[in-house]
Amino acid sequence: MANAPGCRLYLVTPPDLEPVAFAPLLAAALDAGDVACVQLRLKQTDRNTTAPADLIRRACDVLRPVTQERNVAFVLNDRPDLAAETGCDGVHIGQSDTPYPEARRLIGAEGIVGVTCHDSRHLAMVAGEQGADYVAFGAFYPTDTKATPYRPTPEILEWWSSLMEIPCVAIGGITPENCGPLVRAGADFIAVVTAVWNHPDGPAAAVHAFNRAIAEADTNPRP
């Protein structure tokens, strides 16, 4: 998840999945093109609360090897304690989750800690000053994945990338067709959920389409 030239794909899992059945889909997606990171985000969909710990542990045990064997970072949403316990590469925290200092203590100095910053420059600056490995802005487009009142514009990506070395992630309703402005604005990573896992031709086709769209929009492609 280092800040390298060019924009890369960041996959977020569906909130409700059966790990063994999902593993082949994940493998197919990762084998289809460049992916920087996979975030395991499991929610109890009726209340949008974090899934039980035992379910998270089982999913990590099944899906983490699929990801890490392909040299893709595996990040857990919400739970730095379980991320450290199960050998994840890091954790992603929201503004109402574990505070950054505690997440960093649990995951360790070498682990990844990413922070949701919505549409707030202030929250992003605070996260950066605390030592976050990346900041995430969104939702840039309408999305059914997660209810959110925040709707930043690409300008926040331009602002951040012009000031900071810390990578930024764009998320929210992003598709191969609408990702171009975010890539050109300076997003280091494009985070996607529905557009990959619900793609009519499957997740592998979606990853291929995203990689092509990112390459076409990227003014500073990776070597």
C-alpha atoms as a PDB file:
ATOM      1  CA  MET A   1       0.000   0.000   0.000  1.00  0.00           C
ATOM      2  CA  ALA A   2       2.941   2.342  -0.457  1.00  0.00           C
ATOM      3  CA  ASN A   3       2.387   5.546  -2.370  1.00  0.00           C
ATOM      4  CA  ALA A   4       3.674   4.689  -5.854  1.00  0.00           C
ATOM      5  CA  PRO A   5       3.152   6.520  -9.127  1.00  0.00           C
ATOM      6  CA  GLY A   6      -0.187   5.769 -10.664  1.00  0.00           C
ATOM      7  CA  CYS A   7      -3.565   4.659  -9.375  1.00  0.00           C
ATOM      8  CA  ARG A   8      -4.392   1.100  -8.319  1.00  0.00           C
ATOM      9  CA  LEU A   9      -7.466  -0.938  -7.462  1.00  0.00           C
ATOM     10  CA  TYR A  10      -8.547  -1.564  -3.852  1.00  0.00           C
ATOM     11  CA  LEU A  11     -11.205  -4.257  -3.441  1.00  0.00           C
ATOM     12  CA  VAL A  12     -13.687  -4.278  -0.554  1.00  0.00           C
ATOM     13  CA  THR A  13     -15.576  -7.505   0.033  1.00  0.00           C
ATOM     14  CA  PRO A  14     -19.361  -7.774   0.119  1.00  0.00           C
ATOM     15  CA  PRO A  15     -20.685  -7.241   3.655  1.00  0.00           C
ATOM     16  CA  ASP A  16     -22.256 -10.699   3.788  1.00  0.00           C
ATOM     17  CA  LEU A  17     -20.400 -13.703   2.410  1.00  0.00           C
ATOM     18  CA  GLU A  18     -19.668 -17.385   3.006  1.00  0.00           C
ATOM     19  CA  PRO A  19     -15.853 -17.543   3.073  1.00  0.00           C
ATOM     20  CA  VAL A  20     -15.286 -20.928   1.412  1.00  0.00           C
ATOM     21  CA  ALA A  21     -17.735 -20.164  -1.396  1.00  0.00           C
ATOM     22  CA  PHE A  22     -16.314 -16.658  -1.831  1.00  0.00           C
ATOM     23  CA  ALA A  23     -12.652 -17.724  -2.001  1.00  0.00           C
ATOM     24  CA  PRO A  24     -12.706 -18.810  -5.690  1.00  0.00           C
ATOM     25  CA  LEU A  25     -14.372 -15.532  -6.683  1.00  0.00           C
ATOM     26  CA  LEU A  26     -11.698 -13.594  -4.823  1.00  0.00           C
ATOM     27  CA  ALA A  27      -8.934 -15.628  -6.448  1.00  0.00           C
ATOM     28  CA  ALA A  28     -10.411 -15.047  -9.894  1.00  0.00           C
ATOM     29  CA  ALA A  29     -10.610 -11.318  -9.273  1.00  0.00           C
ATOM     30  CA  LEU A  30      -7.014 -11.083  -8.068  1.00  0.00           C
ATOM     31  CA  ASP A  31      -5.734 -13.164 -10.976  1.00  0.00           C
ATOM     32  CA  ALA A  32      -7.486 -10.934 -13.526  1.00  0.00           C
ATOM     33  CA  GLY A  33      -5.354  -7.814 -13.103  1.00  0.00           C
ATOM     34  CA  ASP A  34      -3.527  -5.469 -10.781  1.00  0.00           C
ATOM     35  CA  VAL A  35      -5.043  -5.172  -7.286  1.00  0.00           C
ATOM     36  CA  ALA A  36      -3.214  -3.447  -4.431  1.00  0.00           C
ATOM     37  CA  CYS A  37      -5.367  -4.389  -1.458  1.00  0.00           C
ATOM     38  CA  VAL A  38      -8.374  -6.389  -0.297  1.00  0.00           C
ATOM     39  CA  GLN A  39     -10.409  -5.143   2.648  1.00  0.00           C
ATOM     40  CA  LEU A  40     -12.544  -7.691   4.464  1.00  0.00           C
ATOM     41  CA  ARG A  41     -15.660  -5.806   5.531  1.00  0.00           C
ATOM     42  CA  LEU A  42     -18.251  -8.060   7.159  1.00  0.00           C
ATOM     43  CA  LYS A  43     -21.448  -6.546   8.495  1.00  0.00           C
ATOM     44  CA  GLN A  44     -24.688  -7.802   9.964  1.00  0.00           C
ATOM     45  CA  THR A  45     -26.773  -6.400   7.156  1.00  0.00           C
ATOM     46  CA  ASP A  46     -29.935  -5.958   9.189  1.00  0.00           C
ATOM     47  CA  ARG A  47     -28.200  -3.472  11.500  1.00  0.00           C
ATOM     48  CA  ASN A  48     -25.023  -2.587   9.548  1.00  0.00           C
ATOM     49  CA  THR A  49     -22.971  -3.525  12.591  1.00  0.00           C
ATOM     50  CA  THR A  50     -19.715  -5.456  12.554  1.00  0.00           C
ATOM     51  CA  ALA A  51     -20.132  -9.219  12.228  1.00  0.00           C
ATOM     52  CA  PRO A  52     -19.425 -11.530  15.186  1.00  0.00           C
ATOM     53  CA  ALA A  53     -15.768 -12.160  15.982  1.00  0.00           C
ATOM     54  CA  ASP A  54     -15.908 -15.883  15.218  1.00  0.00           C
ATOM     55  CA  LEU A  55     -17.251 -15.210  11.731  1.00  0.00           C
ATOM     56  CA  ILE A  56     -14.534 -12.627  11.114  1.00  0.00           C
ATOM     57  CA  ARG A  57     -11.819 -15.021  12.307  1.00  0.00           C
ATOM     58  CA  ARG A  58     -13.078 -17.779  10.018  1.00  0.00           C
ATOM     59  CA  ALA A  59     -13.262 -15.446   7.033  1.00  0.00           C
ATOM     60  CA  CYS A  60      -9.728 -14.193   7.698  1.00  0.00           C
ATOM     61  CA  ASP A  61      -8.397 -17.744   7.956  1.00  0.00           C
ATOM     62  CA  VAL A  62      -9.942 -18.649   4.592  1.00  0.00           C
ATOM     63  CA  LEU A  63      -9.461 -15.447   2.587  1.00  0.00           C
ATOM     64  CA  ARG A  64      -6.210 -13.994   3.931  1.00  0.00           C
ATOM     65  CA  PRO A  65      -4.030 -16.725   2.342  1.00  0.00           C
ATOM     66  CA  VAL A  66      -5.771 -16.280  -1.022  1.00  0.00           C
ATOM     67  CA  THR A  67      -4.826 -12.617  -0.929  1.00  0.00           C
ATOM     68  CA  GLN A  68      -1.373 -12.713   0.621  1.00  0.00           C
ATOM     69  CA  GLU A  69      -0.183 -15.569  -1.610  1.00  0.00           C
ATOM     70  CA  ARG A  70      -0.679 -13.145  -4.505  1.00  0.00           C
ATOM     71  CA  ASN A  71       1.309 -10.374  -2.769  1.00  0.00           C
ATOM     72  CA  VAL A  72      -1.859  -8.338  -2.218  1.00  0.00           C
ATOM     73  CA  ALA A  73      -2.362  -6.614   1.136  1.00  0.00           C
ATOM     74  CA  PHE A  74      -5.184  -7.997   3.281  1.00  0.00           C
ATOM     75  CA  VAL A  75      -6.833  -5.409   5.538  1.00  0.00           C
ATOM     76  CA  LEU A  76      -9.643  -5.944   8.038  1.00  0.00           C
ATOM     77  CA  ASN A  77     -12.378  -3.387   8.591  1.00  0.00           C
ATOM     78  CA  ASP A  78     -13.158  -2.056  12.079  1.00  0.00           C
ATOM     79  CA  ARG A  79     -11.303  -4.599  14.264  1.00  0.00           C
ATOM     80  CA  PRO A  80      -7.564  -3.960  14.820  1.00  0.00           C
ATOM     81  CA  ASP A  81      -7.528  -6.568  17.600  1.00  0.00           C
ATOM     82  CA  LEU A  82      -8.723  -9.308  15.256  1.00  0.00           C
ATOM     83  CA  ALA A  83      -6.533  -8.008  12.426  1.00  0.00           C
ATOM     84  CA  ALA A  84      -3.460  -8.507  14.610  1.00  0.00           C
ATOM     85  CA  GLU A  85      -4.693 -11.843  15.954  1.00  0.00           C
ATOM     86  CA  THR A  86      -5.375 -13.363  12.529  1.00  0.00           C
ATOM     87  CA  GLY A  87      -2.264 -12.152  10.688  1.00  0.00           C
ATOM     88  CA  CYS A  88      -3.824  -9.454   8.531  1.00  0.00           C
ATOM     89  CA  ASP A  89      -1.577  -6.824   6.966  1.00  0.00           C
ATOM     90  CA  GLY A  90      -3.549  -4.019   8.557  1.00  0.00           C
ATOM     91  CA  VAL A  91      -6.852  -2.478   9.520  1.00  0.00           C
ATOM     92  CA  HIS A  92      -9.221   0.166   8.177  1.00  0.00           C
ATOM     93  CA  ILE A  93     -10.985   2.302  10.768  1.00  0.00           C
ATOM     94  CA  GLY A  94     -13.887   4.718  10.545  1.00  0.00           C
ATOM     95  CA  GLN A  95     -14.432   7.838  12.599  1.00  0.00           C
ATOM     96  CA  SER A  96     -16.630   5.956  15.070  1.00  0.00           C
ATOM     97  CA  ASP A  97     -14.381   2.882  15.332  1.00  0.00           C
ATOM     98  CA  THR A  98     -11.261   2.280  17.419  1.00  0.00           C
ATOM     99  CA  PRO A  99      -9.281   5.541  17.758  1.00  0.00           C
ATOM    100  CA  TYR A 100      -6.130   5.710  15.658  1.00  0.00           C
ATOM    101  CA  PRO A 101      -3.595   5.516  18.534  1.00  0.00           C
ATOM    102  CA  GLU A 102      -5.198   2.325  19.855  1.00  0.00           C
ATOM    103  CA  ALA A 103      -5.465   0.821  16.361  1.00  0.00           C
ATOM    104  CA  ARG A 104      -1.785   1.542  15.775  1.00  0.00           C
ATOM    105  CA  ARG A 105      -0.824   0.016  19.123  1.00  0.00           C
ATOM    106  CA  LEU A 106      -2.738  -3.157  18.329  1.00  0.00           C
ATOM    107  CA  ILE A 107      -1.617  -3.593  14.723  1.00  0.00           C
ATOM    108  CA  GLY A 108       1.998  -2.543  15.308  1.00  0.00           C
ATOM    109  CA  ALA A 109       4.359  -0.098  13.679  1.00  0.00           C
ATOM    110  CA  GLU A 110       4.707  -2.154  10.490  1.00  0.00           C
ATOM    111  CA  GLY A 111       0.986  -2.756   9.940  1.00  0.00           C
ATOM    112  CA  ILE A 112      -1.296  -0.715   7.712  1.00  0.00           C
ATOM    113  CA  VAL A 113      -3.790   1.639   9.336  1.00  0.00           C
ATOM    114  CA  GLY A 114      -6.169   3.405   6.960  1.00  0.00           C
ATOM    115  CA  VAL A 115      -8.683   5.989   8.101  1.00  0.00           C
ATOM    116  CA  THR A 116     -12.071   7.047   6.720  1.00  0.00           C
ATOM    117  CA  CYS A 117     -12.219  10.838   6.402  1.00  0.00           C
ATOM    118  CA  HIS A 118     -15.523  11.272   4.509  1.00  0.00           C
ATOM    119  CA  ASP A 119     -15.396  14.711   2.861  1.00  0.00           C
ATOM    120  CA  SER A 120     -13.345  16.410   5.581  1.00  0.00           C
ATOM    121  CA  ARG A 121      -9.991  18.052   5.021  1.00  0.00           C
ATOM    122  CA  HIS A 122      -9.659  18.474   8.772  1.00  0.00           C
ATOM    123  CA  LEU A 123     -10.152  14.773   9.511  1.00  0.00           C
ATOM    124  CA  ALA A 124      -7.679  13.879   6.788  1.00  0.00           C
ATOM    125  CA  MET A 125      -5.043  16.244   8.175  1.00  0.00           C
ATOM    126  CA  VAL A 126      -5.523  14.835  11.672  1.00  0.00           C
ATOM    127  CA  ALA A 127      -5.188  11.268  10.376  1.00  0.00           C
ATOM    128  CA  GLY A 128      -2.080  12.187   8.422  1.00  0.00           C
ATOM    129  CA  GLU A 129      -0.481  13.901  11.394  1.00  0.00           C
ATOM    130  CA  GLN A 130      -1.191  10.870  13.568  1.00  0.00           C
ATOM    131  CA  GLY A 131       0.584   8.590  11.107  1.00  0.00           C
ATOM    132  CA  ALA A 132      -2.155   6.962   9.021  1.00  0.00           C
ATOM    133  CA  ASP A 133      -0.880   4.939   6.070  1.00  0.00           C
ATOM    134  CA  TYR A 134      -3.715   6.197   3.886  1.00  0.00           C
ATOM    135  CA  VAL A 135      -6.829   8.342   4.109  1.00  0.00           C
ATOM    136  CA  ALA A 136     -10.119   7.484   2.407  1.00  0.00           C
ATOM    137  CA  PHE A 137     -12.596   9.986   0.988  1.00  0.00           C
ATOM    138  CA  GLY A 138     -16.152   9.252  -0.148  1.00  0.00           C
ATOM    139  CA  ALA A 139     -18.771   8.523  -1.202  1.00  0.00           C
ATOM    140  CA  PHE A 140     -18.048  10.247  -4.502  1.00  0.00           C
ATOM    141  CA  TYR A 141     -21.101   8.795  -6.249  1.00  0.00           C
ATOM    142  CA  PRO A 142     -24.458   7.405  -5.071  1.00  0.00           C
ATOM    143  CA  THR A 143     -24.064   3.965  -3.530  1.00  0.00           C
ATOM    144  CA  ASP A 144     -26.282   1.327  -1.976  1.00  0.00           C
ATOM    145  CA  THR A 145     -23.381  -0.353  -0.168  1.00  0.00           C
ATOM    146  CA  LYS A 146     -23.409   2.010   2.787  1.00  0.00           C
ATOM    147  CA  ALA A 147     -25.706   4.863   3.725  1.00  0.00           C
ATOM    148  CA  THR A 148     -23.693   8.095   3.849  1.00  0.00           C
ATOM    149  CA  PRO A 149     -24.530  11.807   3.810  1.00  0.00           C
ATOM    150  CA  TYR A 150     -21.037  12.686   2.594  1.00  0.00           C
ATOM    151  CA  ARG A 151     -20.452  13.564  -1.054  1.00  0.00           C
ATOM    152  CA  PRO A 152     -16.968  14.968  -1.705  1.00  0.00           C
ATOM    153  CA  THR A 153     -15.888  16.202  -5.131  1.00  0.00           C
ATOM    154  CA  PRO A 154     -12.690  15.230  -6.967  1.00  0.00           C
ATOM    155  CA  GLU A 155     -11.195  18.536  -5.861  1.00  0.00           C
ATOM    156  CA  ILE A 156     -10.478  17.085  -2.414  1.00  0.00           C
ATOM    157  CA  LEU A 157      -8.248  14.486  -4.070  1.00  0.00           C
ATOM    158  CA  GLU A 158      -6.414  17.210  -5.978  1.00  0.00           C
ATOM    159  CA  TRP A 159      -5.924  19.170  -2.769  1.00  0.00           C
ATOM    160  CA  TRP A 160      -4.656  16.184  -0.802  1.00  0.00           C
ATOM    161  CA  SER A 161      -2.291  14.838  -3.452  1.00  0.00           C
ATOM    162  CA  SER A 162      -0.785  18.290  -3.997  1.00  0.00           C
ATOM    163  CA  LEU A 163       0.074  18.617  -0.293  1.00  0.00           C
ATOM    164  CA  MET A 164       0.708  15.173   1.119  1.00  0.00           C
ATOM    165  CA  GLU A 165       2.792  12.090   0.374  1.00  0.00           C
ATOM    166  CA  ILE A 166       0.320   9.868   2.244  1.00  0.00           C
ATOM    167  CA  PRO A 167      -1.851   7.972  -0.274  1.00  0.00           C
ATOM    168  CA  CYS A 168      -5.556   8.704  -0.655  1.00  0.00           C
ATOM    169  CA  VAL A 169      -8.343   6.274  -1.462  1.00  0.00           C
ATOM    170  CA  ALA A 170     -11.521   7.212  -3.320  1.00  0.00           C
ATOM    171  CA  ILE A 171     -14.636   5.158  -2.570  1.00  0.00           C
ATOM    172  CA  GLY A 172     -18.369   5.185  -3.173  1.00  0.00           C
ATOM    173  CA  GLY A 173     -20.355   4.137  -6.221  1.00  0.00           C
ATOM    174  CA  ILE A 174     -17.272   3.927  -8.438  1.00  0.00           C
ATOM    175  CA  THR A 175     -17.443   2.045 -11.736  1.00  0.00           C
ATOM    176  CA  PRO A 176     -15.105   1.660 -14.710  1.00  0.00           C
ATOM    177  CA  GLU A 177     -17.240   4.248 -16.483  1.00  0.00           C
ATOM    178  CA  ASN A 178     -17.029   6.974 -13.805  1.00  0.00           C
ATOM    179  CA  CYS A 179     -13.623   6.417 -12.211  1.00  0.00           C
ATOM    180  CA  GLY A 180     -11.727   8.617 -14.692  1.00  0.00           C
ATOM    181  CA  PRO A 181     -12.219  11.984 -12.947  1.00  0.00           C
ATOM    182  CA  LEU A 182     -11.080  10.503  -9.625  1.00  0.00           C
ATOM    183  CA  VAL A 183      -7.976   8.972 -11.152  1.00  0.00           C
ATOM    184  CA  ARG A 184      -7.086  12.212 -12.903  1.00  0.00           C
ATOM    185  CA  ALA A 185      -7.704  14.175  -9.687  1.00  0.00           C
ATOM    186  CA  GLY A 186      -4.988  12.212  -7.916  1.00  0.00           C
ATOM    187  CA  ALA A 187      -6.554   9.177  -6.238  1.00  0.00           C
ATOM    188  CA  ASP A 188      -3.833   6.672  -5.398  1.00  0.00           C
ATOM    189  CA  PHE A 189      -6.385   3.898  -4.982  1.00  0.00           C
ATOM    190  CA  ILE A 190      -9.923   3.320  -6.246  1.00  0.00           C
ATOM    191  CA  ALA A 191     -11.956   1.297  -3.737  1.00  0.00           C
ATOM    192  CA  VAL A 192     -14.837  -0.724  -5.145  1.00  0.00           C
ATOM    193  CA  VAL A 193     -17.453  -3.157  -3.900  1.00  0.00           C
ATOM    194  CA  THR A 194     -20.621  -3.640  -5.947  1.00  0.00           C
ATOM    195  CA  ALA A 195     -19.101  -2.815  -9.328  1.00  0.00           C
ATOM    196  CA  VAL A 196     -16.778  -5.810  -8.967  1.00  0.00           C
ATOM    197  CA  TRP A 197     -18.753  -8.462  -7.114  1.00  0.00           C
ATOM    198  CA  ASN A 198     -22.058  -7.766  -8.902  1.00  0.00           C
ATOM    199  CA  HIS A 199     -20.574  -7.354 -12.370  1.00  0.00           C
ATOM    200  CA  PRO A 200     -22.752  -9.239 -14.888  1.00  0.00           C
ATOM    201  CA  ASP A 201     -19.710 -11.011 -16.338  1.00  0.00           C
ATOM    202  CA  GLY A 202     -18.138 -11.782 -12.977  1.00  0.00           C
ATOM    203  CA  PRO A 203     -15.469 -10.192 -10.783  1.00  0.00           C
ATOM    204  CA  ALA A 204     -12.571 -11.107 -13.077  1.00  0.00           C
ATOM    205  CA  ALA A 205     -14.150  -9.181 -15.941  1.00  0.00           C
ATOM    206  CA  ALA A 206     -14.755  -6.257 -13.584  1.00  0.00           C
ATOM    207  CA  VAL A 207     -11.128  -6.119 -12.441  1.00  0.00           C
ATOM    208  CA  HIS A 208      -9.991  -6.220 -16.054  1.00  0.00           C
ATOM    209  CA  ALA A 209     -12.381  -3.385 -16.937  1.00  0.00           C
ATOM    210  CA  PHE A 210     -11.216  -1.277 -13.979  1.00  0.00           C
ATOM    211  CA  ASN A 211      -7.557  -1.803 -14.815  1.00  0.00           C
ATOM    212  CA  ARG A 212      -8.195  -0.716 -18.380  1.00  0.00           C
ATOM    213  CA  ALA A 213     -10.180   2.347 -17.299  1.00  0.00           C
ATOM    214  CA  ILE A 214      -7.569   3.381 -14.745  1.00  0.00           C
ATOM    215  CA  ALA A 215      -4.759   3.036 -17.273  1.00  0.00           C
ATOM    216  CA  GLU A 216      -6.653   5.156 -19.784  1.00  0.00           C
ATOM    217  CA  ALA A 217      -7.298   7.911 -17.219  1.00  0.00           C
ATOM    218  CA  ASP A 218      -3.987   7.817 -15.394  1.00  0.00           C
ATOM    219  CA  THR A 219      -1.687  10.669 -16.346  1.00  0.00           C
ATOM    220  CA  ASN A 220       1.139   9.220 -14.271  1.00  0.00           C
ATOM    221  CA  PRO A 221       1.061   5.462 -14.826  1.00  0.00           C
ATOM    222  CA  ARG A 222       3.232   3.080 -12.853  1.00  0.00           C
ATOM    223  CA  PRO A 223       6.275   1.745 -14.731  1.00  0.00           C
END
